[in-house]
Amino acid sequence: MPQTTFSVRMDAEVKKQFDDFCDKVGMNTSTAFNMFARAVLRERRLPFDVTTESDLFYSESNLAHLRRGVAALNSGRGVEHDII
């Protein structure tokens, strides 16, 4: 199969960390990107979840914490919060 070149721009520190990771698991970055591309084509989707910060805010653990806080308020107790 003919080969082609694929160029990607990224933060230099991210590239260094990615190169280091690939080296530790015994592959190079070209192999890693080929694996990624093949996974996308095979699964017809990104092989990981893409979320926004609001998705993280509404995660199950945050919602559970919020529900406990509401229950505490409803029972007349105060609520502790990491931000306050």
C-alpha atoms as a PDB file:
ATOM      1  CA  MET A   1       0.000   0.000   0.000  1.00  0.00           C
ATOM      2  CA  PRO A   2       1.459   3.431  -0.887  1.00  0.00           C
ATOM      3  CA  GLN A   3       2.544   5.572   2.063  1.00  0.00           C
ATOM      4  CA  THR A   4       1.916   9.294   2.560  1.00  0.00           C
ATOM      5  CA  THR A   5       2.967  11.906   5.102  1.00  0.00           C
ATOM      6  CA  PHE A   6       0.613  13.409   7.676  1.00  0.00           C
ATOM      7  CA  SER A   7       1.695  16.584   9.494  1.00  0.00           C
ATOM      8  CA  VAL A   8       0.242  17.661  12.845  1.00  0.00           C
ATOM      9  CA  ARG A   9       0.882  20.850  14.808  1.00  0.00           C
ATOM     10  CA  MET A  10       0.861  20.565  18.584  1.00  0.00           C
ATOM     11  CA  ASP A  11       2.343  22.088  21.688  1.00  0.00           C
ATOM     12  CA  ALA A  12       6.016  21.131  22.025  1.00  0.00           C
ATOM     13  CA  GLU A  13       5.578  19.845  25.594  1.00  0.00           C
ATOM     14  CA  VAL A  14       2.580  17.702  24.586  1.00  0.00           C
ATOM     15  CA  LYS A  15       4.668  16.216  21.760  1.00  0.00           C
ATOM     16  CA  LYS A  16       7.541  15.442  24.130  1.00  0.00           C
ATOM     17  CA  GLN A  17       5.211  13.762  26.621  1.00  0.00           C
ATOM     18  CA  PHE A  18       3.518  11.816  23.812  1.00  0.00           C
ATOM     19  CA  ASP A  19       6.877  10.715  22.372  1.00  0.00           C
ATOM     20  CA  ASP A  20       7.974   9.615  25.859  1.00  0.00           C
ATOM     21  CA  PHE A  21       4.749   7.649  26.358  1.00  0.00           C
ATOM     22  CA  CYS A  22       5.040   5.941  22.982  1.00  0.00           C
ATOM     23  CA  ASP A  23       8.653   5.029  23.722  1.00  0.00           C
ATOM     24  CA  LYS A  24       7.664   3.508  27.081  1.00  0.00           C
ATOM     25  CA  VAL A  25       5.036   1.285  25.450  1.00  0.00           C
ATOM     26  CA  GLY A  26       7.370   0.240  22.642  1.00  0.00           C
ATOM     27  CA  MET A  27       6.096   2.176  19.645  1.00  0.00           C
ATOM     28  CA  ASN A  28       6.786   5.410  17.832  1.00  0.00           C
ATOM     29  CA  THR A  29       4.365   8.276  17.258  1.00  0.00           C
ATOM     30  CA  SER A  30       3.739   7.216  13.661  1.00  0.00           C
ATOM     31  CA  THR A  31       2.522   3.816  14.857  1.00  0.00           C
ATOM     32  CA  ALA A  32       0.337   5.460  17.513  1.00  0.00           C
ATOM     33  CA  PHE A  33      -1.316   7.786  14.989  1.00  0.00           C
ATOM     34  CA  ASN A  34      -1.845   4.890  12.573  1.00  0.00           C
ATOM     35  CA  MET A  35      -3.515   2.923  15.386  1.00  0.00           C
ATOM     36  CA  PHE A  36      -5.735   5.934  16.118  1.00  0.00           C
ATOM     37  CA  ALA A  37      -6.734   6.355  12.449  1.00  0.00           C
ATOM     38  CA  ARG A  38      -7.514   2.646  12.066  1.00  0.00           C
ATOM     39  CA  ALA A  39      -9.601   2.648  15.268  1.00  0.00           C
ATOM     40  CA  VAL A  40     -11.615   5.634  13.980  1.00  0.00           C
ATOM     41  CA  LEU A  41     -12.256   3.917  10.653  1.00  0.00           C
ATOM     42  CA  ARG A  42     -13.082   0.565  12.265  1.00  0.00           C
ATOM     43  CA  GLU A  43     -15.453   1.970  14.904  1.00  0.00           C
ATOM     44  CA  ARG A  44     -16.762   4.854  12.749  1.00  0.00           C
ATOM     45  CA  ARG A  45     -16.308   7.170  15.745  1.00  0.00           C
ATOM     46  CA  LEU A  46     -13.578   8.620  17.902  1.00  0.00           C
ATOM     47  CA  PRO A  47     -12.251   5.796  20.088  1.00  0.00           C
ATOM     48  CA  PHE A  48     -12.778   7.876  23.242  1.00  0.00           C
ATOM     49  CA  ASP A  49     -15.470  10.115  24.688  1.00  0.00           C
ATOM     50  CA  VAL A  50     -15.300  13.820  23.920  1.00  0.00           C
ATOM     51  CA  THR A  51     -16.799  15.988  26.634  1.00  0.00           C
ATOM     52  CA  THR A  52     -17.076  19.630  27.524  1.00  0.00           C
ATOM     53  CA  GLU A  53     -16.463  21.168  30.912  1.00  0.00           C
ATOM     54  CA  SER A  54     -20.238  21.271  31.447  1.00  0.00           C
ATOM     55  CA  ASP A  55     -20.320  17.485  30.882  1.00  0.00           C
ATOM     56  CA  LEU A  56     -17.756  17.111  33.639  1.00  0.00           C
ATOM     57  CA  PHE A  57     -19.791  19.383  35.917  1.00  0.00           C
ATOM     58  CA  TYR A  58     -22.827  17.160  35.430  1.00  0.00           C
ATOM     59  CA  SER A  59     -20.892  13.925  35.981  1.00  0.00           C
ATOM     60  CA  GLU A  60     -22.466  11.245  38.177  1.00  0.00           C
ATOM     61  CA  SER A  61     -20.114  11.994  41.084  1.00  0.00           C
ATOM     62  CA  ASN A  62     -20.892  15.720  40.956  1.00  0.00           C
ATOM     63  CA  LEU A  63     -24.625  15.053  40.684  1.00  0.00           C
ATOM     64  CA  ALA A  64     -24.435  12.697  43.680  1.00  0.00           C
ATOM     65  CA  HIS A  65     -22.631  15.403  45.662  1.00  0.00           C
ATOM     66  CA  LEU A  66     -25.277  17.947  44.614  1.00  0.00           C
ATOM     67  CA  ARG A  67     -28.113  15.593  45.624  1.00  0.00           C
ATOM     68  CA  ARG A  68     -26.515  15.093  49.076  1.00  0.00           C
ATOM     69  CA  GLY A  69     -26.262  18.870  49.441  1.00  0.00           C
ATOM     70  CA  VAL A  70     -29.914  19.371  48.503  1.00  0.00           C
ATOM     71  CA  ALA A  71     -30.947  16.658  50.962  1.00  0.00           C
ATOM     72  CA  ALA A  72     -28.887  18.343  53.704  1.00  0.00           C
ATOM     73  CA  LEU A  73     -30.494  21.713  52.990  1.00  0.00           C
ATOM     74  CA  ASN A  74     -33.952  20.157  52.952  1.00  0.00           C
ATOM     75  CA  SER A  75     -33.296  18.572  56.350  1.00  0.00           C
ATOM     76  CA  GLY A  76     -32.176  21.912  57.819  1.00  0.00           C
ATOM     77  CA  ARG A  77     -28.436  21.171  57.889  1.00  0.00           C
ATOM     78  CA  GLY A  78     -25.804  23.396  56.321  1.00  0.00           C
ATOM     79  CA  VAL A  79     -23.847  22.364  53.275  1.00  0.00           C
ATOM     80  CA  GLU A  80     -20.058  22.307  52.999  1.00  0.00           C
ATOM     81  CA  HIS A  81     -18.582  23.279  49.675  1.00  0.00           C
ATOM     82  CA  ASP A  82     -14.998  23.073  48.457  1.00  0.00           C
ATOM     83  CA  ILE A  83     -15.136  26.507  46.834  1.00  0.00           C
ATOM     84  CA  ILE A  84     -16.454  28.375  49.860  1.00  0.00           C
END
